[in-house]
C-alpha atoms as a PDB file:
ATOM      1  CA  MET A   1     -71.239  52.852 131.197  1.00  0.00           C
ATOM      2  CA  ASP A   2     -72.304  56.504 131.032  1.00  0.00           C
ATOM      3  CA  GLN A   3     -75.394  57.638 132.853  1.00  0.00           C
ATOM      4  CA  VAL A   4     -78.407  58.546 130.712  1.00  0.00           C
ATOM      5  CA  LEU A   5     -80.476  61.128 132.592  1.00  0.00           C
ATOM      6  CA  ARG A   6     -84.190  61.697 131.986  1.00  0.00           C
ATOM      7  CA  PHE A   7     -86.077  64.885 132.745  1.00  0.00           C
ATOM      8  CA  GLU A   8     -89.011  63.424 134.633  1.00  0.00           C
ATOM      9  CA  ALA A   9     -86.672  61.759 137.119  1.00  0.00           C
ATOM     10  CA  HIS A  10     -85.809  65.223 138.462  1.00  0.00           C
ATOM     11  CA  ALA A  11     -88.800  67.514 137.828  1.00  0.00           C
ATOM     12  CA  PHE A  12     -92.127  65.693 138.108  1.00  0.00           C
ATOM     13  CA  GLY A  13     -94.961  68.095 137.432  1.00  0.00           C
ATOM     14  CA  ARG A  14     -92.717  71.106 136.884  1.00  0.00           C
ATOM     15  CA  PRO A  15     -91.830  72.720 133.541  1.00  0.00           C
ATOM     16  CA  TYR A  16     -88.132  73.002 134.357  1.00  0.00           C
ATOM     17  CA  HIS A  17     -85.560  72.054 136.978  1.00  0.00           C
ATOM     18  CA  ALA A  18     -83.003  74.430 138.481  1.00  0.00           C
ATOM     19  CA  ALA A  19     -80.190  73.836 140.955  1.00  0.00           C
ATOM     20  CA  ARG A  20     -77.035  75.435 142.300  1.00  0.00           C
ATOM     21  CA  VAL A  21     -74.053  73.120 141.854  1.00  0.00           C
ATOM     22  CA  ARG A  22     -70.723  73.479 143.674  1.00  0.00           C
ATOM     23  CA  ILE A  23     -67.722  71.361 142.687  1.00  0.00           C
ATOM     24  CA  PRO A  24     -64.636  71.684 144.938  1.00  0.00           C
ATOM     25  CA  ALA A  25     -61.247  72.039 143.314  1.00  0.00           C
ATOM     26  CA  ARG A  26     -60.016  68.629 144.384  1.00  0.00           C
ATOM     27  CA  ALA A  27     -63.269  66.750 143.877  1.00  0.00           C
ATOM     28  CA  ARG A  28     -63.652  64.022 141.293  1.00  0.00           C
ATOM     29  CA  ASP A  29     -65.189  65.030 137.979  1.00  0.00           C
ATOM     30  CA  THR A  30     -68.941  64.675 137.764  1.00  0.00           C
ATOM     31  CA  GLU A  31     -69.865  61.378 136.149  1.00  0.00           C
ATOM     32  CA  MET A  32     -69.821  61.396 132.358  1.00  0.00           C
ATOM     33  CA  HIS A  33     -73.433  61.385 131.167  1.00  0.00           C
ATOM     34  CA  THR A  34     -75.881  62.252 128.414  1.00  0.00           C
ATOM     35  CA  HIS A  35     -79.465  63.551 128.450  1.00  0.00           C
ATOM     36  CA  ALA A  36     -82.245  61.431 127.025  1.00  0.00           C
ATOM     37  CA  ASP A  37     -84.889  64.090 126.530  1.00  0.00           C
ATOM     38  CA  PHE A  38     -83.805  67.479 127.827  1.00  0.00           C
ATOM     39  CA  HIS A  39     -81.499  70.435 127.253  1.00  0.00           C
ATOM     40  CA  GLU A  40     -79.837  72.428 130.003  1.00  0.00           C
ATOM     41  CA  PHE A  41     -78.164  75.812 130.359  1.00  0.00           C
ATOM     42  CA  MET A  42     -75.212  76.207 132.717  1.00  0.00           C
ATOM     43  CA  GLY A  43     -74.458  79.676 134.070  1.00  0.00           C
ATOM     44  CA  VAL A  44     -71.116  79.876 135.892  1.00  0.00           C
ATOM     45  CA  VAL A  45     -71.499  82.003 139.038  1.00  0.00           C
ATOM     46  CA  SER A  46     -67.979  81.888 140.456  1.00  0.00           C
ATOM     47  CA  GLY A  47     -64.669  80.058 140.404  1.00  0.00           C
ATOM     48  CA  GLY A  48     -63.418  78.116 137.435  1.00  0.00           C
ATOM     49  CA  GLY A  49     -63.189  74.663 135.943  1.00  0.00           C
ATOM     50  CA  GLU A  50     -63.538  72.653 132.780  1.00  0.00           C
ATOM     51  CA  HIS A  51     -66.403  71.348 130.696  1.00  0.00           C
ATOM     52  CA  LEU A  52     -65.429  67.881 129.494  1.00  0.00           C
ATOM     53  CA  LEU A  53     -66.839  66.742 126.156  1.00  0.00           C
ATOM     54  CA  THR A  54     -65.930  63.931 123.793  1.00  0.00           C
ATOM     55  CA  SER A  55     -64.437  66.623 121.543  1.00  0.00           C
ATOM     56  CA  GLY A  56     -62.138  67.822 124.343  1.00  0.00           C
ATOM     57  CA  ALA A  57     -62.140  70.056 127.422  1.00  0.00           C
ATOM     58  CA  SER A  58     -63.098  73.735 127.421  1.00  0.00           C
ATOM     59  CA  GLU A  59     -62.394  76.244 130.180  1.00  0.00           C
ATOM     60  CA  LEU A  60     -65.220  77.453 132.417  1.00  0.00           C
ATOM     61  CA  ARG A  61     -64.989  80.786 134.251  1.00  0.00           C
ATOM     62  CA  ALA A  62     -67.375  83.094 136.059  1.00  0.00           C
ATOM     63  CA  GLY A  63     -69.837  84.596 133.592  1.00  0.00           C
ATOM     64  CA  ASP A  64     -69.764  81.733 131.080  1.00  0.00           C
ATOM     65  CA  VAL A  65     -73.028  80.368 129.680  1.00  0.00           C
ATOM     66  CA  VAL A  66     -73.154  76.939 128.040  1.00  0.00           C
ATOM     67  CA  LEU A  67     -76.044  75.063 126.417  1.00  0.00           C
ATOM     68  CA  VAL A  68     -75.857  71.291 126.805  1.00  0.00           C
ATOM     69  CA  ARG A  69     -77.854  69.212 124.314  1.00  0.00           C
ATOM     70  CA  PRO A  70     -79.071  65.594 124.509  1.00  0.00           C
ATOM     71  CA  SER A  71     -76.427  64.660 121.940  1.00  0.00           C
ATOM     72  CA  ASP A  72     -73.626  65.934 124.207  1.00  0.00           C
ATOM     73  CA  ARG A  73     -71.724  63.429 126.339  1.00  0.00           C
ATOM     74  CA  HIS A  74     -70.233  65.559 129.081  1.00  0.00           C
ATOM     75  CA  ALA A  75     -68.930  66.033 132.621  1.00  0.00           C
ATOM     76  CA  VAL A  76     -67.723  68.992 134.710  1.00  0.00           C
ATOM     77  CA  ARG A  77     -64.546  69.562 136.756  1.00  0.00           C
ATOM     78  CA  GLY A  78     -63.652  72.237 139.330  1.00  0.00           C
ATOM     79  CA  SER A  79     -60.235  73.936 139.268  1.00  0.00           C
ATOM     80  CA  ALA A  80     -57.987  75.290 142.050  1.00  0.00           C
ATOM     81  CA  PRO A  81     -58.140  77.309 144.135  1.00  0.00           C
ATOM     82  CA  ASP A  82     -61.887  77.912 144.478  1.00  0.00           C
ATOM     83  CA  GLY A  83     -63.542  75.129 142.552  1.00  0.00           C
ATOM     84  CA  LEU A  84     -66.607  75.820 140.427  1.00  0.00           C
ATOM     85  CA  GLU A  85     -70.092  77.104 141.191  1.00  0.00           C
ATOM     86  CA  PHE A  86     -72.827  77.258 138.564  1.00  0.00           C
ATOM     87  CA  VAL A  87     -76.601  77.370 138.253  1.00  0.00           C
ATOM     88  CA  ASN A  88     -78.068  74.651 136.103  1.00  0.00           C
ATOM     89  CA  VAL A  89     -81.481  75.061 134.393  1.00  0.00           C
ATOM     90  CA  ALA A  90     -82.847  71.965 132.619  1.00  0.00           C
ATOM     91  CA  PHE A  91     -86.003  71.724 130.481  1.00  0.00           C
ATOM     92  CA  PRO A  92     -87.641  69.271 128.066  1.00  0.00           C
ATOM     93  CA  SER A  93     -86.146  69.312 124.586  1.00  0.00           C
ATOM     94  CA  SER A  94     -89.613  69.276 123.027  1.00  0.00           C
ATOM     95  CA  LEU A  95     -90.578  72.549 124.753  1.00  0.00           C
ATOM     96  CA  TRP A  96     -87.277  74.161 123.769  1.00  0.00           C
ATOM     97  CA  GLN A  97     -87.738  73.208 120.129  1.00  0.00           C
ATOM     98  CA  GLY A  98     -91.262  74.620 120.176  1.00  0.00           C
ATOM     99  CA  PHE A  99     -89.968  77.895 121.609  1.00  0.00           C
ATOM    100  CA  LEU A 100     -87.319  78.102 118.888  1.00  0.00           C
ATOM    101  CA  ASP A 101     -89.995  77.478 116.252  1.00  0.00           C
ATOM    102  CA  LEU A 102     -92.158  80.301 117.564  1.00  0.00           C
ATOM    103  CA  THR A 103     -89.279  82.781 117.830  1.00  0.00           C
ATOM    104  CA  ARG A 104     -87.620  81.767 114.515  1.00  0.00           C
ATOM    105  CA  THR A 105     -84.374  81.156 116.375  1.00  0.00           C
ATOM    106  CA  SER A 106     -81.662  78.757 115.214  1.00  0.00           C
ATOM    107  CA  ARG A 107     -80.834  76.050 117.716  1.00  0.00           C
ATOM    108  CA  GLY A 108     -77.090  75.857 117.212  1.00  0.00           C
ATOM    109  CA  PRO A 109     -74.607  75.315 120.066  1.00  0.00           C
ATOM    110  CA  ILE A 110     -74.141  78.110 122.617  1.00  0.00           C
ATOM    111  CA  SER A 111     -70.979  78.692 124.649  1.00  0.00           C
ATOM    112  CA  VAL A 112     -70.344  82.359 125.428  1.00  0.00           C
ATOM    113  CA  HIS A 113     -68.962  84.640 128.104  1.00  0.00           C
ATOM    114  CA  GLN A 114     -71.765  86.927 129.275  1.00  0.00           C
ATOM    115  CA  PRO A 115     -71.648  87.894 132.988  1.00  0.00           C
ATOM    116  CA  ALA A 116     -74.875  89.903 132.623  1.00  0.00           C
ATOM    117  CA  ALA A 117     -76.719  86.613 132.090  1.00  0.00           C
ATOM    118  CA  ILE A 118     -75.990  85.215 135.566  1.00  0.00           C
ATOM    119  CA  PRO A 119     -78.797  87.194 137.298  1.00  0.00           C
ATOM    120  CA  VAL A 120     -81.208  85.575 134.814  1.00  0.00           C
ATOM    121  CA  PHE A 121     -80.094  82.158 136.090  1.00  0.00           C
ATOM    122  CA  GLU A 122     -80.445  83.285 139.710  1.00  0.00           C
ATOM    123  CA  HIS A 123     -83.997  84.476 139.056  1.00  0.00           C
ATOM    124  CA  ALA A 124     -84.929  81.138 137.417  1.00  0.00           C
ATOM    125  CA  LEU A 125     -83.491  79.327 140.449  1.00  0.00           C
ATOM    126  CA  ALA A 126     -85.486  81.495 142.858  1.00  0.00           C
ATOM    127  CA  ARG A 127     -88.710  80.910 140.919  1.00  0.00           C
ATOM    128  CA  PHE A 128     -88.054  77.168 140.871  1.00  0.00           C
ATOM    129  CA  GLN A 129     -88.337  77.130 144.664  1.00  0.00           C
ATOM    130  CA  ASP A 130     -91.864  78.569 144.468  1.00  0.00           C
ATOM    131  CA  ASN A 131     -94.082  76.468 142.172  1.00  0.00           C
ATOM    132  CA  PRO A 132     -92.714  77.602 138.783  1.00  0.00           C
ATOM    133  CA  THR A 133     -94.913  77.865 135.686  1.00  0.00           C
ATOM    134  CA  THR A 134     -94.251  77.483 131.979  1.00  0.00           C
ATOM    135  CA  TYR A 135     -94.341  81.272 131.817  1.00  0.00           C
ATOM    136  CA  ASP A 136     -91.326  81.371 134.165  1.00  0.00           C
ATOM    137  CA  LEU A 137     -89.466  79.029 131.836  1.00  0.00           C
ATOM    138  CA  MET A 138     -90.290  81.140 128.783  1.00  0.00           C
ATOM    139  CA  ARG A 139     -89.254  84.297 130.622  1.00  0.00           C
ATOM    140  CA  PHE A 140     -85.906  82.646 131.388  1.00  0.00           C
ATOM    141  CA  TRP A 141     -85.391  81.795 127.714  1.00  0.00           C
ATOM    142  CA  ILE A 142     -86.431  85.237 126.480  1.00  0.00           C
ATOM    143  CA  ASP A 143     -84.285  87.145 128.969  1.00  0.00           C
ATOM    144  CA  LEU A 144     -81.319  84.868 128.337  1.00  0.00           C
ATOM    145  CA  LEU A 145     -81.456  84.932 124.548  1.00  0.00           C
ATOM    146  CA  ASP A 146     -81.846  88.714 124.582  1.00  0.00           C
ATOM    147  CA  LEU A 147     -78.367  88.770 126.102  1.00  0.00           C
ATOM    148  CA  LEU A 148     -76.809  85.915 124.147  1.00  0.00           C
ATOM    149  CA  VAL A 149     -78.168  86.408 120.630  1.00  0.00           C
ATOM    150  CA  PRO A 150     -77.829  89.953 119.211  1.00  0.00           C
ATOM    151  CA  ARG A 151     -80.962  90.955 117.343  1.00  0.00           C
ATOM    152  CA  ASP A 152     -78.907  92.174 114.363  1.00  0.00           C
ATOM    153  CA  SER A 153     -76.743  89.048 114.183  1.00  0.00           C
ATOM    154  CA  GLY A 154     -78.382  87.814 110.976  1.00  0.00           C
ATOM    155  CA  GLY A 155     -77.748  84.194 110.092  1.00  0.00           C
ATOM    156  CA  PRO A 156     -80.045  81.712 108.380  1.00  0.00           C
ATOM    157  CA  GLY A 157     -82.010  80.627 111.461  1.00  0.00           C
ATOM    158  CA  VAL A 158     -85.064  78.467 110.745  1.00  0.00           C
ATOM    159  CA  PRO A 159     -86.898  79.030 107.433  1.00  0.00           C
ATOM    160  CA  ASP A 160     -90.247  80.712 107.970  1.00  0.00           C
ATOM    161  CA  TRP A 161     -92.184  77.959 106.168  1.00  0.00           C
ATOM    162  CA  LEU A 162     -90.612  75.286 108.387  1.00  0.00           C
ATOM    163  CA  ALA A 163     -91.187  77.210 111.619  1.00  0.00           C
ATOM    164  CA  LYS A 164     -94.858  77.720 110.758  1.00  0.00           C
ATOM    165  CA  ALA A 165     -95.339  74.073 109.786  1.00  0.00           C
ATOM    166  CA  CYS A 166     -93.658  72.787 112.955  1.00  0.00           C
ATOM    167  CA  THR A 167     -95.739  75.089 115.133  1.00  0.00           C
ATOM    168  CA  ALA A 168     -98.964  74.016 113.415  1.00  0.00           C
ATOM    169  CA  MET A 169     -98.073  70.355 113.939  1.00  0.00           C
ATOM    170  CA  ARG A 170     -98.620  70.803 117.678  1.00  0.00           C
ATOM    171  CA  ALA A 171    -102.372  70.832 117.053  1.00  0.00           C
ATOM    172  CA  GLU A 172    -103.812  67.444 117.966  1.00  0.00           C
ATOM    173  CA  GLN A 173    -105.657  67.006 114.670  1.00  0.00           C
ATOM    174  CA  ASN A 174    -102.399  67.502 112.777  1.00  0.00           C
ATOM    175  CA  LEU A 175    -100.479  65.130 115.027  1.00  0.00           C
ATOM    176  CA  ARG A 176    -102.933  62.360 114.215  1.00  0.00           C
ATOM    177  CA  SER A 177    -102.135  62.697 110.501  1.00  0.00           C
ATOM    178  CA  GLY A 178     -98.370  62.582 111.091  1.00  0.00           C
ATOM    179  CA  VAL A 179     -95.655  63.224 108.509  1.00  0.00           C
ATOM    180  CA  PRO A 180     -98.050  63.474 105.534  1.00  0.00           C
ATOM    181  CA  ARG A 181     -99.752  66.398 107.277  1.00  0.00           C
ATOM    182  CA  LEU A 182     -96.362  68.000 108.027  1.00  0.00           C
ATOM    183  CA  LEU A 183     -95.547  67.781 104.314  1.00  0.00           C
ATOM    184  CA  GLN A 184     -98.858  69.462 103.438  1.00  0.00           C
ATOM    185  CA  LEU A 185     -98.232  72.268 105.913  1.00  0.00           C
ATOM    186  CA  ALA A 186     -94.651  72.770 104.703  1.00  0.00           C
ATOM    187  CA  GLY A 187     -95.623  72.824 101.015  1.00  0.00           C
ATOM    188  CA  VAL A 188     -92.302  71.350  99.883  1.00  0.00           C
ATOM    189  CA  SER A 189     -91.069  67.980  98.647  1.00  0.00           C
ATOM    190  CA  ALA A 190     -90.328  65.186 101.086  1.00  0.00           C
ATOM    191  CA  ALA A 191     -86.627  65.351 100.248  1.00  0.00           C
ATOM    192  CA  HIS A 192     -86.456  69.122 100.759  1.00  0.00           C
ATOM    193  CA  LEU A 193     -88.325  68.860 104.070  1.00  0.00           C
ATOM    194  CA  SER A 194     -85.979  66.148 105.298  1.00  0.00           C
ATOM    195  CA  ARG A 195     -82.816  68.065 104.323  1.00  0.00           C
ATOM    196  CA  THR A 196     -84.015  71.339 105.841  1.00  0.00           C
ATOM    197  CA  MET A 197     -85.266  69.757 109.055  1.00  0.00           C
ATOM    198  CA  ARG A 198     -81.969  67.945 109.559  1.00  0.00           C
ATOM    199  CA  ALA A 199     -80.054  71.178 109.031  1.00  0.00           C
ATOM    200  CA  ALA A 200     -82.306  73.260 111.304  1.00  0.00           C
ATOM    201  CA  TYR A 201     -83.144  70.777 114.062  1.00  0.00           C
ATOM    202  CA  GLY A 202     -80.864  67.781 113.599  1.00  0.00           C
ATOM    203  CA  VAL A 203     -83.779  65.317 113.330  1.00  0.00           C
ATOM    204  CA  THR A 204     -85.791  63.606 110.622  1.00  0.00           C
ATOM    205  CA  PRO A 205     -89.448  64.542 110.025  1.00  0.00           C
ATOM    206  CA  THR A 206     -90.513  61.151 111.409  1.00  0.00           C
ATOM    207  CA  ALA A 207     -88.502  61.630 114.603  1.00  0.00           C
ATOM    208  CA  PHE A 208     -89.852  65.176 114.976  1.00  0.00           C
ATOM    209  CA  VAL A 209     -93.476  64.033 114.706  1.00  0.00           C
ATOM    210  CA  THR A 210     -92.884  61.124 117.081  1.00  0.00           C
ATOM    211  CA  ASP A 211     -91.359  63.468 119.655  1.00  0.00           C
ATOM    212  CA  LEU A 212     -94.369  65.799 119.416  1.00  0.00           C
ATOM    213  CA  ARG A 213     -96.756  62.870 119.779  1.00  0.00           C
ATOM    214  CA  LEU A 214     -94.950  61.594 122.864  1.00  0.00           C
ATOM    215  CA  GLU A 215     -94.838  65.097 124.352  1.00  0.00           C
ATOM    216  CA  HIS A 216     -98.601  65.488 123.881  1.00  0.00           C
ATOM    217  CA  ALA A 217     -99.197  62.004 125.261  1.00  0.00           C
ATOM    218  CA  ALA A 218     -97.198  62.821 128.383  1.00  0.00           C
ATOM    219  CA  SER A 219     -99.318  65.939 128.925  1.00  0.00           C
ATOM    220  CA  LEU A 220    -102.542  63.948 128.554  1.00  0.00           C
ATOM    221  CA  LEU A 221    -101.315  61.224 130.902  1.00  0.00           C
ATOM    222  CA  ALA A 222    -100.417  63.764 133.570  1.00  0.00           C
ATOM    223  CA  ALA A 223    -103.450  66.038 133.278  1.00  0.00           C
ATOM    224  CA  THR A 224    -106.416  63.871 132.201  1.00  0.00           C
ATOM    225  CA  ASN A 225    -108.144  60.593 133.013  1.00  0.00           C
ATOM    226  CA  THR A 226    -108.369  59.582 129.352  1.00  0.00           C
ATOM    227  CA  SER A 227    -107.627  55.882 128.867  1.00  0.00           C
ATOM    228  CA  ILE A 228    -104.212  54.929 127.556  1.00  0.00           C
ATOM    229  CA  SER A 229    -105.766  53.497 124.391  1.00  0.00           C
ATOM    230  CA  GLY A 230    -107.666  56.759 123.932  1.00  0.00           C
ATOM    231  CA  ILE A 231    -104.480  58.786 124.336  1.00  0.00           C
ATOM    232  CA  ALA A 232    -102.695  56.572 121.809  1.00  0.00           C
ATOM    233  CA  GLY A 233    -105.439  57.270 119.267  1.00  0.00           C
ATOM    234  CA  ARG A 234    -105.587  60.995 119.975  1.00  0.00           C
ATOM    235  CA  CYS A 235    -101.831  61.294 119.439  1.00  0.00           C
ATOM    236  CA  GLY A 236    -101.787  59.363 116.168  1.00  0.00           C
ATOM    237  CA  PHE A 237    -100.324  56.010 117.232  1.00  0.00           C
ATOM    238  CA  SER A 238    -101.626  53.017 115.311  1.00  0.00           C
ATOM    239  CA  SER A 239    -102.193  50.880 118.412  1.00  0.00           C
ATOM    240  CA  GLN A 240    -101.915  51.006 122.186  1.00  0.00           C
ATOM    241  CA  SER A 241     -99.130  48.415 122.177  1.00  0.00           C
ATOM    242  CA  TYR A 242     -97.044  50.420 119.704  1.00  0.00           C
ATOM    243  CA  PHE A 243     -97.636  53.591 121.691  1.00  0.00           C
ATOM    244  CA  SER A 244     -96.583  51.851 124.913  1.00  0.00           C
ATOM    245  CA  ARG A 245     -93.368  50.590 123.322  1.00  0.00           C
ATOM    246  CA  CYS A 246     -92.468  54.035 121.989  1.00  0.00           C
ATOM    247  CA  PHE A 247     -93.329  55.788 125.244  1.00  0.00           C
ATOM    248  CA  THR A 248     -91.403  53.310 127.389  1.00  0.00           C
ATOM    249  CA  THR A 249     -88.343  53.606 125.144  1.00  0.00           C
ATOM    250  CA  ALA A 250     -88.431  57.414 125.375  1.00  0.00           C
ATOM    251  CA  HIS A 251     -89.171  57.765 129.088  1.00  0.00           C
ATOM    252  CA  ALA A 252     -87.968  54.507 130.690  1.00  0.00           C
ATOM    253  CA  LEU A 253     -91.462  54.311 132.213  1.00  0.00           C
ATOM    254  CA  THR A 254     -94.618  52.691 130.910  1.00  0.00           C
ATOM    255  CA  PRO A 255     -97.535  55.068 130.274  1.00  0.00           C
ATOM    256  CA  SER A 256     -99.234  53.775 133.436  1.00  0.00           C
ATOM    257  CA  GLU A 257     -96.116  54.311 135.539  1.00  0.00           C
ATOM    258  CA  PHE A 258     -95.618  57.796 134.102  1.00  0.00           C
ATOM    259  CA  ARG A 259     -99.241  58.719 134.866  1.00  0.00           C
ATOM    260  CA  HIS A 260     -98.942  57.459 138.437  1.00  0.00           C
ATOM    261  CA  ARG A 261     -95.705  59.343 139.133  1.00  0.00           C
ATOM    262  CA  SER A 262     -96.681  62.581 137.418  1.00  0.00           C
ATOM    263  CA  GLN A 263    -100.066  62.778 139.150  1.00  0.00           C
ATOM    264  CA  ARG A 264     -98.448  62.086 142.505  1.00  0.00           C
ATOM    265  CA  ALA A 265     -96.234  65.129 141.870  1.00  0.00           C
ATOM    266  CA  PHE A 266     -99.276  67.406 141.930  1.00  0.00           C
ATOM    267  CA  VAL A 267    -101.047  65.817 144.896  1.00  0.00           C
ATOM    268  CA  PRO A 268     -99.020  65.608 148.160  1.00  0.00           C
END
């Protein structure tokens, strides 16, 4: 059975996780896996190899940049003679989607050859070793997309009305009202909202709102002493038991376990 990796298992209390990965030429492939709740960028530093996906294998060479999404089932292989070395930067999918909303950027797949991007990965890795902040993560995204997405590339991107509505939904008072409030903010029919959100983000409005609620709940669990029932109410869940079921399904930890682990990450 494939591994299913979760962000908090690797980066408690930090906005992103970065690592340098070296795969020798004759090593076994990395284990096939998927991501439960995070995206990651791979920046190939040196050598060569293959990125293995269910759709087939694609070549990796120095200077390549690849975005891996939670929907991607993948593994990596090093090739002779030097194997493969890359920097991996992983971050919560909910934060990435919020950044795309704010910048009106489409979230389609990315797999490009751009050697100038590798120093951006190296800088993110260096900052990760020294108490990184959300600003460091946003700087990584901005610097990277400046190199990967030409400003005059055109394309449909995310409709302005949808980007504004999704950004506004991050306010706690809007989260409590859920999908009906998202419809009000969007100013379109339920069917049009559903079609456009699927095309732009690959999720339904209900799944989008639930993800935002769970993201906000995780922040409250980690940073406040508010009771779990209070957090459930603040985030728009109908009951503490329903909130606990949703949170445990998403994070493989109960709210109490998540709070304990995340708070331990800040206090040695």
